[in-house]
Amino acid sequence: MNNKPTAWYDPTNGAVSTDKDSPLFTPLGQVLPLYTQRTWVGLTDADRLELAEAQHGWEDLLIAAETKLKEKNS
């Protein structure tokens, strides 16, 4: 997972740049980091089968599915 900003935004003038020190930005203005949106990763058929076989109730299944999705998407 890439936690580094891919660009920067200056809300005082609406400028966006991949360079944090861009001359487009307002001097002494607040520059905000922008991040890329990650692609969602869902459960595979094998994941679903594994979850269905291992769980004993709806609550357990939901908790296990949520845990599996968090692992895949972080």
PDB file of N, CA and C in Angstrom:
ATOM      1  N   MET A   1       0.850  -1.181   0.000  1.00  0.00           N
ATOM      2  CA  MET A   1       0.000   0.000   0.000  1.00  0.00           C
ATOM      3  C   MET A   1       0.890   1.237   0.000  1.00  0.00           C
ATOM      4  N   ASN A   2       0.576   2.171  -0.860  1.00  0.00           N
ATOM      5  CA  ASN A   2       1.351   3.400  -0.976  1.00  0.00           C
ATOM      6  C   ASN A   2       0.666   4.506  -0.182  1.00  0.00           C
ATOM      7  N   ASN A   3       1.314   4.950   0.892  1.00  0.00           N
ATOM      8  CA  ASN A   3       0.745   6.008   1.721  1.00  0.00           C
ATOM      9  C   ASN A   3       1.303   7.376   1.381  1.00  0.00           C
ATOM     10  N   LYS A   4       2.118   7.472   0.340  1.00  0.00           N
ATOM     11  CA  LYS A   4       2.702   8.758  -0.027  1.00  0.00           C
ATOM     12  C   LYS A   4       1.743   9.523  -0.932  1.00  0.00           C
ATOM     13  N   PRO A   5       1.668  10.847  -0.741  1.00  0.00           N
ATOM     14  CA  PRO A   5       0.813  11.653  -1.616  1.00  0.00           C
ATOM     15  C   PRO A   5       1.301  11.580  -3.061  1.00  0.00           C
ATOM     16  N   THR A   6       0.378  11.589  -4.001  1.00  0.00           N
ATOM     17  CA  THR A   6       0.746  11.593  -5.412  1.00  0.00           C
ATOM     18  C   THR A   6       0.712  13.004  -5.991  1.00  0.00           C
ATOM     19  N   ALA A   7       0.084  13.922  -5.276  1.00  0.00           N
ATOM     20  CA  ALA A   7       0.009  15.317  -5.706  1.00  0.00           C
ATOM     21  C   ALA A   7      -0.313  16.182  -4.498  1.00  0.00           C
ATOM     22  N   TRP A   8      -0.294  17.497  -4.722  1.00  0.00           N
ATOM     23  CA  TRP A   8      -0.561  18.464  -3.657  1.00  0.00           C
ATOM     24  C   TRP A   8      -1.571  19.469  -4.169  1.00  0.00           C
ATOM     25  N   TYR A   9      -2.391  19.996  -3.245  1.00  0.00           N
ATOM     26  CA  TYR A   9      -3.471  20.916  -3.587  1.00  0.00           C
ATOM     27  C   TYR A   9      -3.414  22.138  -2.698  1.00  0.00           C
ATOM     28  N   ASP A  10      -3.513  23.318  -3.315  1.00  0.00           N
ATOM     29  CA  ASP A  10      -3.552  24.583  -2.577  1.00  0.00           C
ATOM     30  C   ASP A  10      -4.984  25.117  -2.642  1.00  0.00           C
ATOM     31  N   PRO A  11      -5.747  25.016  -1.541  1.00  0.00           N
ATOM     32  CA  PRO A  11      -7.145  25.444  -1.579  1.00  0.00           C
ATOM     33  C   PRO A  11      -7.331  26.951  -1.741  1.00  0.00           C
ATOM     34  N   THR A  12      -6.294  27.738  -1.481  1.00  0.00           N
ATOM     35  CA  THR A  12      -6.450  29.193  -1.610  1.00  0.00           C
ATOM     36  C   THR A  12      -6.547  29.638  -3.064  1.00  0.00           C
ATOM     37  N   ASN A  13      -5.925  28.876  -3.985  1.00  0.00           N
ATOM     38  CA  ASN A  13      -6.012  29.271  -5.392  1.00  0.00           C
ATOM     39  C   ASN A  13      -6.415  28.115  -6.310  1.00  0.00           C
ATOM     40  N   GLY A  14      -6.657  26.919  -5.744  1.00  0.00           N
ATOM     41  CA  GLY A  14      -7.109  25.781  -6.535  1.00  0.00           C
ATOM     42  C   GLY A  14      -6.024  25.084  -7.328  1.00  0.00           C
ATOM     43  N   ALA A  15      -4.766  25.423  -7.090  1.00  0.00           N
ATOM     44  CA  ALA A  15      -3.667  24.818  -7.844  1.00  0.00           C
ATOM     45  C   ALA A  15      -3.388  23.398  -7.360  1.00  0.00           C
ATOM     46  N   VAL A  16      -3.042  22.535  -8.312  1.00  0.00           N
ATOM     47  CA  VAL A  16      -2.667  21.154  -8.027  1.00  0.00           C
ATOM     48  C   VAL A  16      -1.341  20.884  -8.731  1.00  0.00           C
ATOM     49  N   SER A  17      -0.436  20.211  -8.030  1.00  0.00           N
ATOM     50  CA  SER A  17       0.854  19.887  -8.619  1.00  0.00           C
ATOM     51  C   SER A  17       1.417  18.633  -7.973  1.00  0.00           C
ATOM     52  N   THR A  18       2.262  17.926  -8.721  1.00  0.00           N
ATOM     53  CA  THR A  18       2.958  16.770  -8.159  1.00  0.00           C
ATOM     54  C   THR A  18       4.180  17.208  -7.366  1.00  0.00           C
ATOM     55  N   ASP A  19       4.510  18.489  -7.429  1.00  0.00           N
ATOM     56  CA  ASP A  19       5.653  19.056  -6.699  1.00  0.00           C
ATOM     57  C   ASP A  19       5.130  19.861  -5.505  1.00  0.00           C
ATOM     58  N   LYS A  20       5.488  19.430  -4.298  1.00  0.00           N
ATOM     59  CA  LYS A  20       4.999  20.116  -3.095  1.00  0.00           C
ATOM     60  C   LYS A  20       5.477  21.571  -3.037  1.00  0.00           C
ATOM     61  N   ASP A  21       6.611  21.847  -3.642  1.00  0.00           N
ATOM     62  CA  ASP A  21       7.177  23.199  -3.632  1.00  0.00           C
ATOM     63  C   ASP A  21       6.913  23.946  -4.937  1.00  0.00           C
ATOM     64  N   SER A  22       5.838  23.632  -5.602  1.00  0.00           N
ATOM     65  CA  SER A  22       5.503  24.241  -6.886  1.00  0.00           C
ATOM     66  C   SER A  22       5.324  25.757  -6.752  1.00  0.00           C
ATOM     67  N   PRO A  23       5.793  26.508  -7.734  1.00  0.00           N
ATOM     68  CA  PRO A  23       5.566  27.959  -7.723  1.00  0.00           C
ATOM     69  C   PRO A  23       4.102  28.334  -7.943  1.00  0.00           C
ATOM     70  N   LEU A  24       3.265  27.369  -8.320  1.00  0.00           N
ATOM     71  CA  LEU A  24       1.835  27.633  -8.497  1.00  0.00           C
ATOM     72  C   LEU A  24       1.131  27.879  -7.166  1.00  0.00           C
ATOM     73  N   PHE A  25       1.716  27.373  -6.081  1.00  0.00           N
ATOM     74  CA  PHE A  25       1.081  27.478  -4.782  1.00  0.00           C
ATOM     75  C   PHE A  25       1.262  28.856  -4.171  1.00  0.00           C
ATOM     76  N   THR A  26       0.243  29.301  -3.424  1.00  0.00           N
ATOM     77  CA  THR A  26       0.265  30.589  -2.757  1.00  0.00           C
ATOM     78  C   THR A  26       1.340  30.585  -1.670  1.00  0.00           C
ATOM     79  N   PRO A  27       2.197  31.610  -1.642  1.00  0.00           N
ATOM     80  CA  PRO A  27       3.204  31.659  -0.584  1.00  0.00           C
ATOM     81  C   PRO A  27       2.546  31.638   0.792  1.00  0.00           C
ATOM     82  N   LEU A  28       3.063  30.850   1.687  1.00  0.00           N
ATOM     83  CA  LEU A  28       2.579  30.696   3.055  1.00  0.00           C
ATOM     84  C   LEU A  28       1.176  30.104   3.138  1.00  0.00           C
ATOM     85  N   GLY A  29       0.680  29.579   2.024  1.00  0.00           N
ATOM     86  CA  GLY A  29      -0.636  28.941   2.043  1.00  0.00           C
ATOM     87  C   GLY A  29      -0.530  27.502   2.526  1.00  0.00           C
ATOM     88  N   GLN A  30      -1.664  26.948   2.923  1.00  0.00           N
ATOM     89  CA  GLN A  30      -1.688  25.560   3.352  1.00  0.00           C
ATOM     90  C   GLN A  30      -1.809  24.664   2.127  1.00  0.00           C
ATOM     91  N   VAL A  31      -0.868  23.719   1.992  1.00  0.00           N
ATOM     92  CA  VAL A  31      -0.878  22.788   0.878  1.00  0.00           C
ATOM     93  C   VAL A  31      -1.314  21.426   1.404  1.00  0.00           C
ATOM     94  N   LEU A  32      -2.339  20.852   0.780  1.00  0.00           N
ATOM     95  CA  LEU A  32      -2.898  19.583   1.249  1.00  0.00           C
ATOM     96  C   LEU A  32      -2.447  18.429   0.354  1.00  0.00           C
ATOM     97  N   PRO A  33      -2.098  17.283   0.956  1.00  0.00           N
ATOM     98  CA  PRO A  33      -1.693  16.128   0.154  1.00  0.00           C
ATOM     99  C   PRO A  33      -2.895  15.447  -0.486  1.00  0.00           C
ATOM    100  N   LEU A  34      -2.703  14.920  -1.681  1.00  0.00           N
ATOM    101  CA  LEU A  34      -3.731  14.159  -2.383  1.00  0.00           C
ATOM    102  C   LEU A  34      -3.200  12.741  -2.597  1.00  0.00           C
ATOM    103  N   TYR A  35      -4.054  11.777  -2.416  1.00  0.00           N
ATOM    104  CA  TYR A  35      -3.665  10.376  -2.526  1.00  0.00           C
ATOM    105  C   TYR A  35      -4.440   9.705  -3.651  1.00  0.00           C
ATOM    106  N   THR A  36      -3.868   8.656  -4.218  1.00  0.00           N
ATOM    107  CA  THR A  36      -4.586   7.912  -5.244  1.00  0.00           C
ATOM    108  C   THR A  36      -5.642   7.038  -4.588  1.00  0.00           C
ATOM    109  N   GLN A  37      -6.676   6.742  -5.320  1.00  0.00           N
ATOM    110  CA  GLN A  37      -7.727   5.861  -4.819  1.00  0.00           C
ATOM    111  C   GLN A  37      -7.325   4.430  -5.138  1.00  0.00           C
ATOM    112  N   ARG A  38      -7.374   3.584  -4.131  1.00  0.00           N
ATOM    113  CA  ARG A  38      -7.020   2.188  -4.342  1.00  0.00           C
ATOM    114  C   ARG A  38      -8.183   1.428  -4.961  1.00  0.00           C
ATOM    115  N   THR A  39      -7.850   0.390  -5.697  1.00  0.00           N
ATOM    116  CA  THR A  39      -8.860  -0.472  -6.293  1.00  0.00           C
ATOM    117  C   THR A  39      -9.369  -1.445  -5.242  1.00  0.00           C
ATOM    118  N   TRP A  40     -10.693  -1.568  -5.146  1.00  0.00           N
ATOM    119  CA  TRP A  40     -11.311  -2.467  -4.188  1.00  0.00           C
ATOM    120  C   TRP A  40     -11.016  -3.912  -4.578  1.00  0.00           C
ATOM    121  N   VAL A  41     -10.643  -4.724  -3.588  1.00  0.00           N
ATOM    122  CA  VAL A  41     -10.415  -6.148  -3.802  1.00  0.00           C
ATOM    123  C   VAL A  41     -11.500  -6.911  -3.052  1.00  0.00           C
ATOM    124  N   GLY A  42     -12.288  -7.675  -3.779  1.00  0.00           N
ATOM    125  CA  GLY A  42     -13.377  -8.428  -3.172  1.00  0.00           C
ATOM    126  C   GLY A  42     -12.976  -9.856  -2.847  1.00  0.00           C
ATOM    127  N   LEU A  43     -13.931 -10.614  -2.410  1.00  0.00           N
ATOM    128  CA  LEU A  43     -13.695 -12.007  -2.070  1.00  0.00           C
ATOM    129  C   LEU A  43     -13.742 -12.874  -3.327  1.00  0.00           C
ATOM    130  N   THR A  44     -12.853 -13.850  -3.385  1.00  0.00           N
ATOM    131  CA  THR A  44     -12.877 -14.820  -4.476  1.00  0.00           C
ATOM    132  C   THR A  44     -13.865 -15.925  -4.127  1.00  0.00           C
ATOM    133  N   ASP A  45     -14.162 -16.788  -5.090  1.00  0.00           N
ATOM    134  CA  ASP A  45     -15.018 -17.938  -4.811  1.00  0.00           C
ATOM    135  C   ASP A  45     -14.395 -18.819  -3.735  1.00  0.00           C
ATOM    136  N   ALA A  46     -13.077 -18.975  -3.784  1.00  0.00           N
ATOM    137  CA  ALA A  46     -12.375 -19.787  -2.779  1.00  0.00           C
ATOM    138  C   ALA A  46     -12.509 -19.155  -1.392  1.00  0.00           C
ATOM    139  N   ASP A  47     -12.420 -17.815  -1.313  1.00  0.00           N
ATOM    140  CA  ASP A  47     -12.594 -17.121  -0.030  1.00  0.00           C
ATOM    141  C   ASP A  47     -13.997 -17.367   0.518  1.00  0.00           C
ATOM    142  N   ARG A  48     -15.009 -17.254  -0.351  1.00  0.00           N
ATOM    143  CA  ARG A  48     -16.395 -17.450   0.075  1.00  0.00           C
ATOM    144  C   ARG A  48     -16.626 -18.870   0.590  1.00  0.00           C
ATOM    145  N   LEU A  49     -16.071 -19.836  -0.128  1.00  0.00           N
ATOM    146  CA  LEU A  49     -16.222 -21.226   0.279  1.00  0.00           C
ATOM    147  C   LEU A  49     -15.542 -21.469   1.624  1.00  0.00           C
ATOM    148  N   GLU A  50     -14.337 -20.915   1.776  1.00  0.00           N
ATOM    149  CA  GLU A  50     -13.601 -21.049   3.043  1.00  0.00           C
ATOM    150  C   GLU A  50     -14.397 -20.448   4.199  1.00  0.00           C
ATOM    151  N   LEU A  51     -14.967 -19.279   4.003  1.00  0.00           N
ATOM    152  CA  LEU A  51     -15.753 -18.626   5.046  1.00  0.00           C
ATOM    153  C   LEU A  51     -17.018 -19.418   5.373  1.00  0.00           C
ATOM    154  N   ALA A  52     -17.687 -19.910   4.336  1.00  0.00           N
ATOM    155  CA  ALA A  52     -18.930 -20.655   4.549  1.00  0.00           C
ATOM    156  C   ALA A  52     -18.682 -21.956   5.307  1.00  0.00           C
ATOM    157  N   GLU A  53     -17.569 -22.608   5.014  1.00  0.00           N
ATOM    158  CA  GLU A  53     -17.273 -23.882   5.672  1.00  0.00           C
ATOM    159  C   GLU A  53     -16.793 -23.698   7.106  1.00  0.00           C
ATOM    160  N   ALA A  54     -16.152 -22.602   7.399  1.00  0.00           N
ATOM    161  CA  ALA A  54     -15.518 -22.419   8.708  1.00  0.00           C
ATOM    162  C   ALA A  54     -16.436 -21.806   9.766  1.00  0.00           C
ATOM    163  N   GLN A  55     -17.517 -21.150   9.368  1.00  0.00           N
ATOM    164  CA  GLN A  55     -18.329 -20.401  10.319  1.00  0.00           C
ATOM    165  C   GLN A  55     -19.558 -21.189  10.763  1.00  0.00           C
ATOM    166  N   HIS A  56     -20.073 -20.845  11.947  1.00  0.00           N
ATOM    167  CA  HIS A  56     -21.196 -21.580  12.517  1.00  0.00           C
ATOM    168  C   HIS A  56     -22.459 -20.737  12.679  1.00  0.00           C
ATOM    169  N   GLY A  57     -22.390 -19.464  12.391  1.00  0.00           N
ATOM    170  CA  GLY A  57     -23.575 -18.611  12.531  1.00  0.00           C
ATOM    171  C   GLY A  57     -23.386 -17.352  11.702  1.00  0.00           C
ATOM    172  N   TRP A  58     -24.488 -16.624  11.505  1.00  0.00           N
ATOM    173  CA  TRP A  58     -24.428 -15.416  10.682  1.00  0.00           C
ATOM    174  C   TRP A  58     -23.472 -14.374  11.249  1.00  0.00           C
ATOM    175  N   GLU A  59     -23.507 -14.184  12.549  1.00  0.00           N
ATOM    176  CA  GLU A  59     -22.633 -13.173  13.146  1.00  0.00           C
ATOM    177  C   GLU A  59     -21.162 -13.534  12.934  1.00  0.00           C
ATOM    178  N   ASP A  60     -20.813 -14.793  13.153  1.00  0.00           N
ATOM    179  CA  ASP A  60     -19.437 -15.237  12.927  1.00  0.00           C
ATOM    180  C   ASP A  60     -19.036 -15.069  11.465  1.00  0.00           C
ATOM    181  N   LEU A  61     -19.952 -15.396  10.560  1.00  0.00           N
ATOM    182  CA  LEU A  61     -19.676 -15.270   9.133  1.00  0.00           C
ATOM    183  C   LEU A  61     -19.423 -13.820   8.744  1.00  0.00           C
ATOM    184  N   LEU A  62     -20.255 -12.916   9.237  1.00  0.00           N
ATOM    185  CA  LEU A  62     -20.090 -11.493   8.920  1.00  0.00           C
ATOM    186  C   LEU A  62     -18.776 -10.947   9.466  1.00  0.00           C
ATOM    187  N   ILE A  63     -18.428 -11.319  10.678  1.00  0.00           N
ATOM    188  CA  ILE A  63     -17.169 -10.862  11.275  1.00  0.00           C
ATOM    189  C   ILE A  63     -15.986 -11.401  10.483  1.00  0.00           C
ATOM    190  N   ALA A  64     -16.025 -12.675  10.109  1.00  0.00           N
ATOM    191  CA  ALA A  64     -14.932 -13.280   9.350  1.00  0.00           C
ATOM    192  C   ALA A  64     -14.806 -12.651   7.961  1.00  0.00           C
ATOM    193  N   ALA A  65     -15.950 -12.377   7.308  1.00  0.00           N
ATOM    194  CA  ALA A  65     -15.921 -11.748   5.986  1.00  0.00           C
ATOM    195  C   ALA A  65     -15.345 -10.338   6.074  1.00  0.00           C
ATOM    196  N   GLU A  66     -15.746  -9.581   7.074  1.00  0.00           N
ATOM    197  CA  GLU A  66     -15.214  -8.234   7.262  1.00  0.00           C
ATOM    198  C   GLU A  66     -13.707  -8.277   7.499  1.00  0.00           C
ATOM    199  N   THR A  67     -13.254  -9.211   8.309  1.00  0.00           N
ATOM    200  CA  THR A  67     -11.824  -9.356   8.587  1.00  0.00           C
ATOM    201  C   THR A  67     -11.057  -9.689   7.324  1.00  0.00           C
ATOM    202  N   LYS A  68     -11.578 -10.612   6.521  1.00  0.00           N
ATOM    203  CA  LYS A  68     -10.924 -11.025   5.276  1.00  0.00           C
ATOM    204  C   LYS A  68     -10.828  -9.852   4.304  1.00  0.00           C
ATOM    205  N   LEU A  69     -11.896  -9.057   4.176  1.00  0.00           N
ATOM    206  CA  LEU A  69     -11.882  -7.905   3.286  1.00  0.00           C
ATOM    207  C   LEU A  69     -10.909  -6.832   3.765  1.00  0.00           C
ATOM    208  N   LYS A  70     -10.821  -6.620   5.067  1.00  0.00           N
ATOM    209  CA  LYS A  70      -9.854  -5.653   5.584  1.00  0.00           C
ATOM    210  C   LYS A  70      -8.436  -6.085   5.269  1.00  0.00           C
ATOM    211  N   GLU A  71      -8.157  -7.396   5.388  1.00  0.00           N
ATOM    212  CA  GLU A  71      -6.821  -7.910   5.070  1.00  0.00           C
ATOM    213  C   GLU A  71      -6.482  -7.665   3.592  1.00  0.00           C
ATOM    214  N   LYS A  72      -7.441  -7.911   2.710  1.00  0.00           N
ATOM    215  CA  LYS A  72      -7.204  -7.776   1.277  1.00  0.00           C
ATOM    216  C   LYS A  72      -7.078  -6.312   0.826  1.00  0.00           C
ATOM    217  N   ASN A  73      -7.673  -5.390   1.573  1.00  0.00           N
ATOM    218  CA  ASN A  73      -7.739  -3.993   1.136  1.00  0.00           C
ATOM    219  C   ASN A  73      -6.905  -3.037   1.976  1.00  0.00           C
ATOM    220  N   SER A  74      -5.978  -3.563   2.737  1.00  0.00           N
ATOM    221  CA  SER A  74      -5.105  -2.653   3.485  1.00  0.00           C
ATOM    222  C   SER A  74      -3.666  -3.041   3.312  1.00  0.00           C
TER     223      SER A  74
END
